[in-house]
Every structure is written in C-alpha cells, then in structure tokens.
Protein backbone atom coordinates (compact mmCIF):
# COMPACT_ATOMS: atom_id res chain seq x y z
CA MET A 1 220.48 124.02 20.78
CA SER A 2 220.92 125.64 24.19
CA LYS A 3 218.40 126.54 26.84
CA ILE A 4 219.02 130.26 27.36
CA ALA A 5 217.50 132.48 30.04
CA ILE A 6 217.53 136.18 29.14
CA ILE A 7 217.08 138.62 32.03
CA GLY A 8 215.74 141.93 30.76
CA ALA A 9 214.35 140.32 27.61
CA THR A 10 211.95 143.19 26.88
CA GLY A 11 214.62 145.91 26.69
CA ARG A 12 216.33 147.14 23.55
CA ALA A 13 219.34 144.85 23.87
CA GLY A 14 217.41 141.99 25.45
CA SER A 15 214.74 141.93 22.74
CA GLN A 16 217.37 141.70 19.99
CA LEU A 17 219.14 138.91 21.88
CA LEU A 18 215.81 137.10 22.09
CA GLU A 19 215.31 137.43 18.32
CA GLU A 20 218.86 136.29 17.52
CA ALA A 21 218.63 133.26 19.82
CA LEU A 22 215.30 132.23 18.27
CA ARG A 23 216.65 132.75 14.76
CA ARG A 24 219.32 130.17 15.54
CA GLY A 25 216.93 127.63 17.04
CA HIS A 26 217.68 128.03 20.73
CA SER A 27 215.08 127.61 23.46
CA VAL A 28 214.61 130.88 25.36
CA THR A 29 213.13 131.81 28.72
CA ALA A 30 212.35 135.52 28.63
CA ILE A 31 212.57 137.08 32.09
CA ALA A 32 211.36 140.58 32.90
CA ARG A 33 209.12 142.37 35.36
CA ASP A 34 206.40 142.45 32.66
CA THR A 35 206.76 140.18 29.63
CA ALA A 36 203.35 141.01 28.12
CA LYS A 37 204.87 142.76 25.10
CA ILE A 38 206.63 139.54 24.02
CA GLY A 39 203.32 137.75 23.46
CA HIS A 40 203.12 134.07 22.60
CA ARG A 41 206.16 132.99 20.59
CA ALA A 42 207.26 129.54 19.52
CA GLY A 43 210.40 128.58 21.43
CA VAL A 44 209.83 131.17 24.18
CA VAL A 45 208.68 130.74 27.76
CA SER A 46 207.95 134.12 29.36
CA LYS A 47 208.29 134.59 33.11
CA ASN A 48 207.37 137.72 35.03
CA VAL A 49 210.03 137.99 37.73
CA ASP A 50 211.25 140.76 39.99
CA VAL A 51 214.97 140.21 39.46
CA LEU A 52 215.69 141.54 42.95
CA ASP A 53 213.65 138.66 44.43
CA SER A 54 216.51 136.19 44.68
CA ALA A 55 214.36 133.12 45.33
CA ALA A 56 212.06 133.86 42.39
CA LEU A 57 215.02 134.53 40.13
CA GLN A 58 216.76 131.32 41.18
CA ASN A 59 213.63 129.33 40.38
CA ALA A 60 213.28 130.99 36.97
CA LEU A 61 216.91 130.26 36.06
CA ALA A 62 217.06 126.62 37.12
CA GLY A 63 217.51 124.12 34.31
CA HIS A 64 219.16 126.46 31.81
CA ASP A 65 222.52 126.06 30.08
CA VAL A 66 223.28 129.78 29.92
CA VAL A 67 222.02 132.96 31.56
CA ILE A 68 222.28 136.27 29.70
CA SER A 69 221.71 139.42 31.74
CA ALA A 70 220.61 142.53 29.87
CA ALA A 71 219.46 144.27 33.06
CA HIS A 72 220.46 147.80 34.02
CA PHE A 73 223.46 147.84 36.34
CA ALA A 74 222.16 150.74 38.46
CA THR A 75 219.09 148.72 39.46
CA VAL A 76 220.48 145.14 39.30
CA PRO A 77 224.01 145.02 40.76
CA ALA A 78 226.21 141.95 40.62
CA SER A 79 225.30 141.06 44.21
CA ALA A 80 221.66 140.57 43.15
CA LEU A 81 222.52 138.31 40.23
CA LEU A 82 225.54 136.14 40.96
CA GLY A 83 224.05 134.27 43.92
CA PRO A 84 220.79 133.23 42.22
CA VAL A 85 222.64 132.13 39.06
CA LYS A 86 224.97 129.89 41.08
CA GLN A 87 222.20 128.59 43.33
CA ALA A 88 220.19 127.70 40.21
CA GLY A 89 223.07 125.48 39.10
CA VAL A 90 223.83 127.44 35.92
CA LYS A 91 227.54 127.60 35.12
CA ARG A 92 227.65 130.21 32.32
CA LEU A 93 226.70 133.87 32.66
CA LEU A 94 226.96 136.34 29.80
CA VAL A 95 226.43 140.01 30.58
CA VAL A 96 225.40 142.89 28.32
CA GLY A 97 228.11 145.30 29.43
CA GLY A 98 228.69 149.01 29.10
CA ALA A 99 231.25 151.06 27.22
CA GLY A 100 232.24 153.24 30.16
CA SER A 101 234.75 150.73 31.54
CA LEU A 102 236.50 150.33 28.18
CA LEU A 103 239.95 151.86 27.78
CA LEU A 104 241.09 154.74 25.60
CA PRO A 105 244.42 154.65 23.73
CA ASP A 106 246.21 156.08 26.80
CA ASP A 107 244.74 153.24 28.92
CA THR A 108 242.43 155.53 30.91
CA ARG A 109 238.76 154.53 31.11
CA VAL A 110 236.10 156.07 28.90
CA ILE A 111 234.05 156.94 31.99
CA ASP A 112 236.93 159.01 33.36
CA SER A 113 237.37 161.12 30.20
CA ALA A 114 236.52 164.83 30.29
CA GLY A 115 233.71 164.56 27.76
CA PHE A 116 231.84 161.66 29.31
CA PRO A 117 228.12 162.60 29.57
CA PRO A 118 227.20 163.11 33.24
CA GLU A 119 223.71 161.64 32.71
CA TYR A 120 225.28 158.25 31.93
CA LYS A 121 227.75 158.26 34.80
CA THR A 122 225.60 156.42 37.37
CA GLU A 123 224.84 153.50 35.06
CA ALA A 124 228.40 153.39 33.68
CA SER A 125 229.92 153.40 37.19
CA ALA A 126 227.60 150.57 38.20
CA GLY A 127 228.63 148.67 35.07
CA ALA A 128 232.31 149.06 35.91
CA ALA A 129 231.61 147.78 39.43
CA PHE A 130 229.74 144.79 37.98
CA LEU A 131 232.76 143.94 35.80
CA ASP A 132 235.05 144.24 38.83
CA ALA A 133 232.79 141.81 40.72
CA LEU A 134 232.93 139.32 37.85
CA ARG A 135 236.70 139.50 37.81
CA GLN A 136 236.67 138.34 41.44
CA GLU A 137 234.17 135.54 40.72
CA GLN A 138 235.63 132.07 41.27
CA GLU A 139 232.79 129.74 40.27
CA LEU A 140 230.99 131.02 37.19
CA ASP A 141 232.19 130.85 33.61
CA TRP A 142 231.37 134.48 32.81
CA THR A 143 231.71 136.78 29.81
CA PHE A 144 231.08 140.55 29.75
CA LEU A 145 230.49 142.05 26.30
CA SER A 146 230.88 145.83 26.14
CA PRO A 147 229.20 147.62 23.24
CA SER A 148 230.81 150.61 21.56
CA ALA A 149 230.17 154.14 22.85
CA GLU A 150 226.98 154.47 20.80
CA PHE A 151 224.59 151.53 21.26
CA VAL A 152 221.81 152.18 18.77
CA GLU A 153 218.87 150.86 16.78
CA GLY A 154 219.80 149.80 13.25
CA GLU A 155 220.28 147.02 10.79
CA ARG A 156 221.58 143.52 11.36
CA SER A 157 224.60 143.59 9.04
CA GLY A 158 226.64 140.76 10.50
CA THR A 159 229.80 142.78 9.84
CA PHE A 160 231.68 144.23 12.80
CA ARG A 161 235.03 144.15 14.55
CA VAL A 162 235.83 142.40 17.81
CA GLY A 163 238.18 143.91 20.40
CA GLN A 164 239.20 143.21 23.98
CA ASP A 165 239.44 146.03 26.54
CA HIS A 166 239.94 149.11 24.34
CA LEU A 167 237.15 151.17 22.79
CA LEU A 168 236.76 150.45 19.08
CA VAL A 169 236.56 153.53 16.84
CA SER A 170 235.83 153.47 13.12
CA ALA A 171 238.01 155.12 10.47
CA GLU A 172 235.48 157.95 10.50
CA GLY A 173 236.06 158.51 14.21
CA ARG A 174 232.77 157.04 15.39
CA SER A 175 232.40 154.34 18.06
CA TRP A 176 229.13 152.49 17.54
CA ILE A 177 227.27 149.20 17.19
CA THR A 178 223.61 148.34 16.58
CA PHE A 179 221.66 146.23 19.03
CA ALA A 180 221.09 143.67 16.26
CA ASP A 181 224.78 143.23 15.43
CA TYR A 182 225.68 143.22 19.12
CA ALA A 183 223.20 140.37 19.54
CA ILE A 184 224.99 138.38 16.83
CA ALA A 185 228.29 138.74 18.71
CA LEU A 186 226.82 137.67 22.04
CA ILE A 187 224.93 134.66 20.69
CA ASP A 188 228.11 133.70 18.78
CA GLU A 189 229.80 133.63 22.19
CA VAL A 190 227.03 131.41 23.56
CA GLU A 191 227.53 128.94 20.72
CA THR A 192 231.33 129.12 20.40
CA PRO A 193 232.91 130.43 23.60
CA LYS A 194 236.08 132.42 22.94
CA HIS A 195 236.08 134.84 25.89
CA SER A 196 235.68 132.70 28.98
CA ARG A 197 236.16 134.81 32.15
CA GLN A 198 236.95 137.83 30.00
CA ARG A 199 235.49 141.11 28.82
CA PHE A 200 235.42 141.83 25.09
CA THR A 201 233.88 144.48 22.87
CA VAL A 202 232.34 144.90 19.41
CA GLY A 203 232.05 147.85 17.04
CA TYR A 204 232.34 148.93 13.42
C-alpha cells in the first residue's frame, strides 16, 4: 500500500484515479480547492488547498510516497508544482498529461496539426511546456502519462494498449481512452514503475 496524494482529485481524471487507488487498497489524500463533493470515504483524507499557495501545498504533500497531479496545466504550471513536491520530500511525481504533445506518424506534434481544435490550444501548449520542464528536472522521479486524443467518460474495461511518444489510433481510426481505463494505467505505474523519467501514452 502506498500513501498517494492526488492534486485535482475532484476532476474527471482525478476522481477516477481516486476510485482506482482506493479499489487497490492505497491510502489517498485528495487535494482540491473544494473537496466537499468527495464526502467522507474510508481511506481518504480530503484537504482543501489552493495549489498555487506553495507553502500550503508543500504541507499537504509531506509524508506521501507518490504525488499524482491531475490539475489543469493552464492554471497550474510546472513552476507551481515542482518546488512544493521536492520541498515536501516526495520523490515520485506522476502527471496526468495531455495528448497535444504526442507525435503523429511523421513525428510532428498533434498540437501543430492543421485540424487541432483552437479551443484546446492554450491547455495543450501549457501541457507541452510542463512536459518540457519535467524533462529538465534533475531530482524527481517523474512520469507523464498522455491520454489519447479523446479523453472520455466510459467503462472500466481493463483492456488498452500502451505506447510511448506517438499517438495511439485504433483500427477504426479513432484515438481514445476512458478516464476509468486511464486510471488503471496510471495506478499500475504507481505500483510497478516502468516509465521512470519518461512520458508514455494509453489508448484502444
């Protein structure tokens, strides 16, 4: 059992990560600006924290084995997160990544493709910058897990493919993963690290 802190635990990805971690018997600290919707759960300590308050975040993270960040990149850049994680003495950081920085078959980035939706560009660009910051990080044992292009509600099937830096596309031409199956892949990485200081991706 690990002590896992999840930043952004009330969001769509974060809430599924919370459920998956609890399902496997881990102890979870749920961190968000407002954790009221989580309620009282066995195995969960909820902490209301403004993630941009570095001292408060450091205090909330202290004593954990692993930090998972499911925060939005546009509002919580790497500079707001990396310092408090290190100052809290936590060595492992897993990040819910984005698909925009993944590569297409010609090795160009998804975010740079002609059809990339402009409404997602700000968040995707911030996600790519976060990954770049991690790649320069010398102290933390980090992992960045990019979902497929479509990150959606759906069933927990437990069946998916794992890739590295290239966008995964199904035989039907769709690139997608559910939050529930994504959560399986990320908690698998918590339990059995295979992508230390790397980005990887999951999809069907």
